[in-house]
């Protein structure tokens, strides 16, 4: 007997929820060819010692901390993950609706001021 296909809620792009954004981001980040980096992101990678591999890991395993529509109508997410050494790092990415890709704008540490 064949197992039934599990139900997957369709993505509502007009009112994207953070759990839906995480699902889309993780699916797309599984294939590195679907992730493009801005030159600014590469500069921040060098400055902040967050590697490109770290950025992929954050996109694949992190959680959506902030989600908002940008001026172009695309969704911009800040994906955060605790890294070794107890620091949280984040990747700011644009989740395109029409293109099956992610665009990484920048990477950053999310240190909490004490």
N, C-alpha and C. Protein backbone atom coordinates (compact mmCIF):
# COMPACT_ATOMS: atom_id res chain seq x y z
N UNK A 1 0.84 -1.18 0.00
CA UNK A 1 0.00 0.00 0.00
C UNK A 1 0.89 1.25 0.00
N UNK A 2 0.56 2.21 -0.81
CA UNK A 2 1.32 3.45 -0.94
C UNK A 2 0.88 4.42 0.15
N UNK A 3 1.88 5.03 0.81
CA UNK A 3 1.57 6.04 1.82
C UNK A 3 1.02 7.28 1.15
N UNK A 4 0.03 7.91 1.77
CA UNK A 4 -0.51 9.13 1.18
C UNK A 4 0.51 10.26 1.22
N UNK A 5 0.43 11.15 0.27
CA UNK A 5 1.30 12.32 0.23
C UNK A 5 0.88 13.26 1.36
N UNK A 6 1.83 13.67 2.21
CA UNK A 6 1.47 14.57 3.30
C UNK A 6 1.00 15.92 2.75
N UNK A 7 0.06 16.50 3.45
CA UNK A 7 -0.47 17.80 3.05
C UNK A 7 0.55 18.88 3.33
N UNK A 8 0.77 19.72 2.34
CA UNK A 8 1.64 20.89 2.51
C UNK A 8 0.81 22.12 2.21
N UNK A 9 0.73 22.95 3.20
CA UNK A 9 -0.04 24.18 3.06
C UNK A 9 0.55 25.03 1.94
N UNK A 10 -0.28 25.49 1.02
CA UNK A 10 0.24 26.36 -0.04
C UNK A 10 0.75 27.69 0.54
N UNK A 11 1.77 28.21 -0.09
CA UNK A 11 2.36 29.49 0.36
C UNK A 11 1.42 30.63 -0.02
N UNK A 12 1.10 31.46 0.95
CA UNK A 12 0.29 32.66 0.70
C UNK A 12 1.24 33.84 0.62
N UNK A 13 1.66 34.16 -0.59
CA UNK A 13 2.68 35.18 -0.78
C UNK A 13 2.22 36.57 -0.38
N UNK A 14 0.93 36.83 -0.40
CA UNK A 14 0.45 38.17 -0.02
C UNK A 14 0.56 38.39 1.49
N UNK A 15 0.47 37.30 2.27
CA UNK A 15 0.60 37.39 3.73
C UNK A 15 1.50 36.26 4.22
N UNK A 16 2.75 36.30 3.82
CA UNK A 16 3.71 35.25 4.15
C UNK A 16 3.95 35.20 5.65
N UNK A 17 3.85 34.01 6.20
CA UNK A 17 4.12 33.81 7.63
C UNK A 17 5.58 33.38 7.80
N UNK A 18 6.11 33.59 8.99
CA UNK A 18 7.53 33.27 9.21
C UNK A 18 7.80 31.77 9.06
N UNK A 19 6.87 30.89 9.46
CA UNK A 19 7.11 29.46 9.29
C UNK A 19 7.11 29.08 7.81
N UNK A 20 6.29 29.74 7.01
CA UNK A 20 6.29 29.50 5.57
C UNK A 20 7.58 30.03 4.94
N UNK A 21 8.03 31.18 5.39
CA UNK A 21 9.28 31.74 4.89
C UNK A 21 10.44 30.82 5.22
N UNK A 22 10.47 30.28 6.44
CA UNK A 22 11.53 29.34 6.83
C UNK A 22 11.53 28.12 5.91
N UNK A 23 10.36 27.61 5.60
CA UNK A 23 10.26 26.44 4.72
C UNK A 23 10.82 26.74 3.35
N UNK A 24 10.44 27.88 2.78
CA UNK A 24 10.92 28.27 1.45
C UNK A 24 12.43 28.50 1.48
N UNK A 25 12.91 29.21 2.49
CA UNK A 25 14.34 29.51 2.60
C UNK A 25 15.14 28.23 2.72
N UNK A 26 14.71 27.32 3.58
CA UNK A 26 15.44 26.06 3.75
C UNK A 26 15.45 25.22 2.48
N UNK A 27 14.32 25.16 1.79
CA UNK A 27 14.25 24.40 0.54
C UNK A 27 15.20 24.98 -0.50
N UNK A 28 15.19 26.29 -0.64
CA UNK A 28 16.05 26.93 -1.64
C UNK A 28 17.51 26.86 -1.25
N UNK A 29 17.82 27.04 0.03
CA UNK A 29 19.21 27.03 0.49
C UNK A 29 19.83 25.64 0.42
N UNK A 30 19.01 24.61 0.30
CA UNK A 30 19.55 23.25 0.17
C UNK A 30 20.38 23.10 -1.10
N UNK A 31 20.07 23.92 -2.11
CA UNK A 31 20.83 23.94 -3.36
C UNK A 31 21.58 25.27 -3.43
N UNK A 32 22.90 25.22 -3.27
CA UNK A 32 23.68 26.46 -3.22
C UNK A 32 23.56 27.28 -4.51
N UNK A 33 23.20 26.64 -5.61
CA UNK A 33 23.04 27.37 -6.87
C UNK A 33 21.84 28.32 -6.82
N UNK A 34 20.96 28.14 -5.85
CA UNK A 34 19.78 29.00 -5.71
C UNK A 34 19.99 30.15 -4.74
N UNK A 35 21.23 30.31 -4.27
CA UNK A 35 21.54 31.38 -3.33
C UNK A 35 22.57 32.30 -3.97
N UNK A 36 22.20 33.57 -4.15
CA UNK A 36 23.12 34.56 -4.70
C UNK A 36 23.51 35.53 -3.58
N UNK A 37 24.75 35.98 -3.62
CA UNK A 37 25.26 36.91 -2.60
C UNK A 37 25.54 38.26 -3.23
N UNK A 38 25.13 39.31 -2.55
CA UNK A 38 25.46 40.68 -2.97
C UNK A 38 26.93 40.93 -2.69
N UNK A 39 27.52 41.85 -3.42
CA UNK A 39 28.92 42.23 -3.14
C UNK A 39 29.06 42.72 -1.70
N UNK A 40 28.05 43.44 -1.24
CA UNK A 40 28.05 43.92 0.14
C UNK A 40 28.14 42.74 1.12
N UNK A 41 27.43 41.66 0.82
CA UNK A 41 27.48 40.47 1.69
C UNK A 41 28.89 39.90 1.74
N UNK A 42 29.55 39.83 0.58
CA UNK A 42 30.93 39.33 0.57
C UNK A 42 31.85 40.23 1.37
N UNK A 43 31.64 41.54 1.30
CA UNK A 43 32.45 42.46 2.12
C UNK A 43 32.22 42.21 3.61
N UNK A 44 30.97 42.02 4.01
CA UNK A 44 30.66 41.76 5.41
C UNK A 44 31.17 40.40 5.86
N UNK A 45 31.17 39.41 4.95
CA UNK A 45 31.73 38.09 5.27
C UNK A 45 33.19 38.25 5.66
N UNK A 46 33.93 39.05 4.89
CA UNK A 46 35.34 39.29 5.20
C UNK A 46 35.51 40.06 6.50
N UNK A 47 34.71 41.10 6.68
CA UNK A 47 34.83 41.96 7.86
C UNK A 47 34.44 41.26 9.14
N UNK A 48 33.42 40.41 9.08
CA UNK A 48 32.82 39.86 10.30
C UNK A 48 33.19 38.41 10.58
N UNK A 49 34.05 37.84 9.76
CA UNK A 49 34.50 36.46 9.97
C UNK A 49 33.34 35.47 10.05
N UNK A 50 32.31 35.73 9.27
CA UNK A 50 31.22 34.77 9.08
C UNK A 50 31.42 34.23 7.67
N UNK A 51 31.71 32.96 7.54
CA UNK A 51 32.03 32.40 6.24
C UNK A 51 30.79 32.18 5.38
N UNK A 52 31.02 31.96 4.11
CA UNK A 52 29.91 31.65 3.20
C UNK A 52 29.25 30.34 3.62
N UNK A 53 30.05 29.39 4.07
CA UNK A 53 29.51 28.12 4.58
C UNK A 53 28.61 28.38 5.79
N UNK A 54 29.04 29.29 6.68
CA UNK A 54 28.21 29.67 7.82
C UNK A 54 26.88 30.25 7.34
N UNK A 55 26.93 31.09 6.33
CA UNK A 55 25.71 31.71 5.80
C UNK A 55 24.75 30.64 5.28
N UNK A 56 25.27 29.66 4.56
CA UNK A 56 24.40 28.57 4.08
C UNK A 56 23.81 27.81 5.26
N UNK A 57 24.61 27.54 6.29
CA UNK A 57 24.13 26.81 7.47
C UNK A 57 23.03 27.61 8.17
N UNK A 58 23.21 28.91 8.29
CA UNK A 58 22.21 29.75 8.92
C UNK A 58 20.90 29.69 8.13
N UNK A 59 20.99 29.77 6.81
CA UNK A 59 19.78 29.72 5.98
C UNK A 59 19.08 28.35 6.08
N UNK A 60 19.86 27.29 6.20
CA UNK A 60 19.29 25.94 6.23
C UNK A 60 18.75 25.53 7.60
N UNK A 61 19.32 26.10 8.66
CA UNK A 61 18.98 25.63 10.00
C UNK A 61 18.43 26.71 10.92
N UNK A 62 18.56 27.97 10.54
CA UNK A 62 18.15 29.06 11.41
C UNK A 62 16.65 29.30 11.41
N UNK A 63 16.25 30.29 12.17
CA UNK A 63 14.84 30.67 12.24
C UNK A 63 14.67 32.10 11.74
N UNK A 64 13.48 32.38 11.22
CA UNK A 64 13.18 33.73 10.73
C UNK A 64 12.88 34.60 11.94
N UNK A 65 13.77 35.55 12.17
CA UNK A 65 13.64 36.46 13.30
C UNK A 65 12.75 37.64 12.94
N UNK A 66 12.91 38.15 11.73
CA UNK A 66 12.12 39.29 11.25
C UNK A 66 11.73 39.03 9.80
N UNK A 67 10.50 39.40 9.45
CA UNK A 67 10.01 39.22 8.08
C UNK A 67 9.17 40.43 7.72
N UNK A 68 9.53 41.06 6.59
CA UNK A 68 8.75 42.22 6.14
C UNK A 68 8.86 42.34 4.63
N UNK A 69 7.86 42.99 4.04
CA UNK A 69 7.90 43.26 2.61
C UNK A 69 8.79 44.46 2.36
N UNK A 70 9.61 44.38 1.30
CA UNK A 70 10.43 45.54 0.96
C UNK A 70 9.68 46.41 -0.05
N UNK A 71 10.30 47.46 -0.52
CA UNK A 71 9.62 48.40 -1.42
C UNK A 71 9.28 47.78 -2.78
N UNK A 72 10.00 46.72 -3.16
CA UNK A 72 9.72 46.04 -4.43
C UNK A 72 8.62 45.00 -4.30
N UNK A 73 8.08 44.83 -3.10
CA UNK A 73 7.02 43.85 -2.89
C UNK A 73 7.53 42.45 -2.63
N UNK A 74 8.86 42.30 -2.50
CA UNK A 74 9.44 41.00 -2.18
C UNK A 74 9.61 40.91 -0.66
N UNK A 75 9.71 39.69 -0.16
CA UNK A 75 9.86 39.48 1.28
C UNK A 75 11.32 39.48 1.68
N UNK A 76 11.63 40.23 2.71
CA UNK A 76 12.97 40.31 3.24
C UNK A 76 12.96 39.69 4.63
N UNK A 77 13.85 38.72 4.85
CA UNK A 77 13.89 38.00 6.12
C UNK A 77 15.26 38.11 6.76
N UNK A 78 15.25 38.22 8.08
CA UNK A 78 16.48 38.10 8.85
C UNK A 78 16.43 36.71 9.48
N UNK A 79 17.35 35.85 9.04
CA UNK A 79 17.42 34.48 9.52
C UNK A 79 18.57 34.39 10.51
N UNK A 80 18.28 33.90 11.71
CA UNK A 80 19.24 33.90 12.81
C UNK A 80 19.51 32.48 13.29
N UNK A 81 20.75 32.24 13.70
CA UNK A 81 21.13 30.94 14.25
C UNK A 81 22.25 31.15 15.26
N UNK A 82 22.17 30.41 16.37
CA UNK A 82 23.25 30.45 17.36
C UNK A 82 24.42 29.65 16.81
N UNK A 83 25.58 30.26 16.81
CA UNK A 83 26.79 29.65 16.27
C UNK A 83 27.66 29.14 17.41
N UNK A 84 28.63 28.28 17.10
CA UNK A 84 29.55 27.83 18.15
C UNK A 84 30.20 29.04 18.82
N UNK A 85 30.33 28.98 20.12
CA UNK A 85 30.88 30.11 20.86
C UNK A 85 29.79 30.98 21.45
N UNK A 86 28.54 30.55 21.34
CA UNK A 86 27.38 31.22 21.94
C UNK A 86 27.03 32.56 21.33
N UNK A 87 27.50 32.82 20.11
CA UNK A 87 27.11 34.06 19.44
C UNK A 87 26.02 33.75 18.42
N UNK A 88 25.11 34.67 18.24
CA UNK A 88 24.09 34.52 17.22
C UNK A 88 24.51 35.30 15.99
N UNK A 89 24.39 34.64 14.84
CA UNK A 89 24.68 35.28 13.57
C UNK A 89 23.40 35.33 12.76
N UNK A 90 23.33 36.30 11.86
CA UNK A 90 22.13 36.45 11.05
C UNK A 90 22.50 36.70 9.60
N UNK A 91 21.59 36.30 8.73
CA UNK A 91 21.71 36.53 7.29
C UNK A 91 20.46 37.28 6.87
N UNK A 92 20.64 38.41 6.22
CA UNK A 92 19.51 39.17 5.68
C UNK A 92 19.36 38.72 4.23
N UNK A 93 18.20 38.17 3.91
CA UNK A 93 17.98 37.61 2.58
C UNK A 93 16.65 38.05 2.01
N UNK A 94 16.59 38.14 0.71
CA UNK A 94 15.34 38.43 0.02
C UNK A 94 14.82 37.11 -0.56
N UNK A 95 13.56 36.84 -0.28
CA UNK A 95 12.89 35.65 -0.78
C UNK A 95 12.03 36.09 -1.96
N UNK A 96 12.46 35.72 -3.15
CA UNK A 96 11.73 36.11 -4.35
C UNK A 96 10.49 35.26 -4.52
N UNK A 97 9.43 35.86 -4.99
CA UNK A 97 8.19 35.13 -5.25
C UNK A 97 8.25 34.44 -6.61
N UNK A 98 8.68 35.15 -7.63
CA UNK A 98 8.64 34.64 -9.00
C UNK A 98 9.89 33.86 -9.39
N UNK A 99 10.99 34.07 -8.69
CA UNK A 99 12.25 33.42 -9.01
C UNK A 99 12.57 32.45 -7.88
N UNK A 100 12.95 31.25 -8.21
CA UNK A 100 13.23 30.22 -7.22
C UNK A 100 14.64 30.38 -6.67
N UNK A 101 14.92 31.56 -6.09
CA UNK A 101 16.24 31.89 -5.56
C UNK A 101 16.12 32.71 -4.29
N UNK A 102 17.25 32.79 -3.59
CA UNK A 102 17.41 33.71 -2.46
C UNK A 102 18.52 34.69 -2.81
N UNK A 103 18.41 35.89 -2.29
CA UNK A 103 19.44 36.91 -2.50
C UNK A 103 19.91 37.37 -1.13
N UNK A 104 21.16 37.07 -0.79
CA UNK A 104 21.72 37.44 0.50
C UNK A 104 22.25 38.86 0.41
N UNK A 105 21.67 39.75 1.22
CA UNK A 105 22.09 41.14 1.23
C UNK A 105 23.30 41.37 2.12
N UNK A 106 23.27 40.75 3.31
CA UNK A 106 24.37 40.93 4.25
C UNK A 106 24.37 39.83 5.29
N UNK A 107 25.45 39.73 6.03
CA UNK A 107 25.56 38.85 7.20
C UNK A 107 26.01 39.69 8.37
N UNK A 108 25.61 39.28 9.58
CA UNK A 108 25.96 40.09 10.75
C UNK A 108 25.86 39.26 12.01
N UNK A 109 26.55 39.74 13.04
CA UNK A 109 26.41 39.16 14.36
C UNK A 109 25.24 39.83 15.04
N UNK A 110 24.50 39.07 15.84
CA UNK A 110 23.34 39.58 16.57
C UNK A 110 23.65 39.58 18.07
N UNK A 111 24.69 40.26 18.46
CA UNK A 111 25.07 40.31 19.87
C UNK A 111 24.08 41.14 20.65
N UNK A 112 23.72 40.63 21.80
CA UNK A 112 22.80 41.34 22.67
C UNK A 112 23.62 42.17 23.65
N UNK A 113 23.28 43.46 23.73
CA UNK A 113 23.99 44.34 24.67
C UNK A 113 23.59 43.97 26.08
N UNK A 114 24.56 43.91 26.97
CA UNK A 114 24.25 43.57 28.36
C UNK A 114 24.25 44.77 29.25
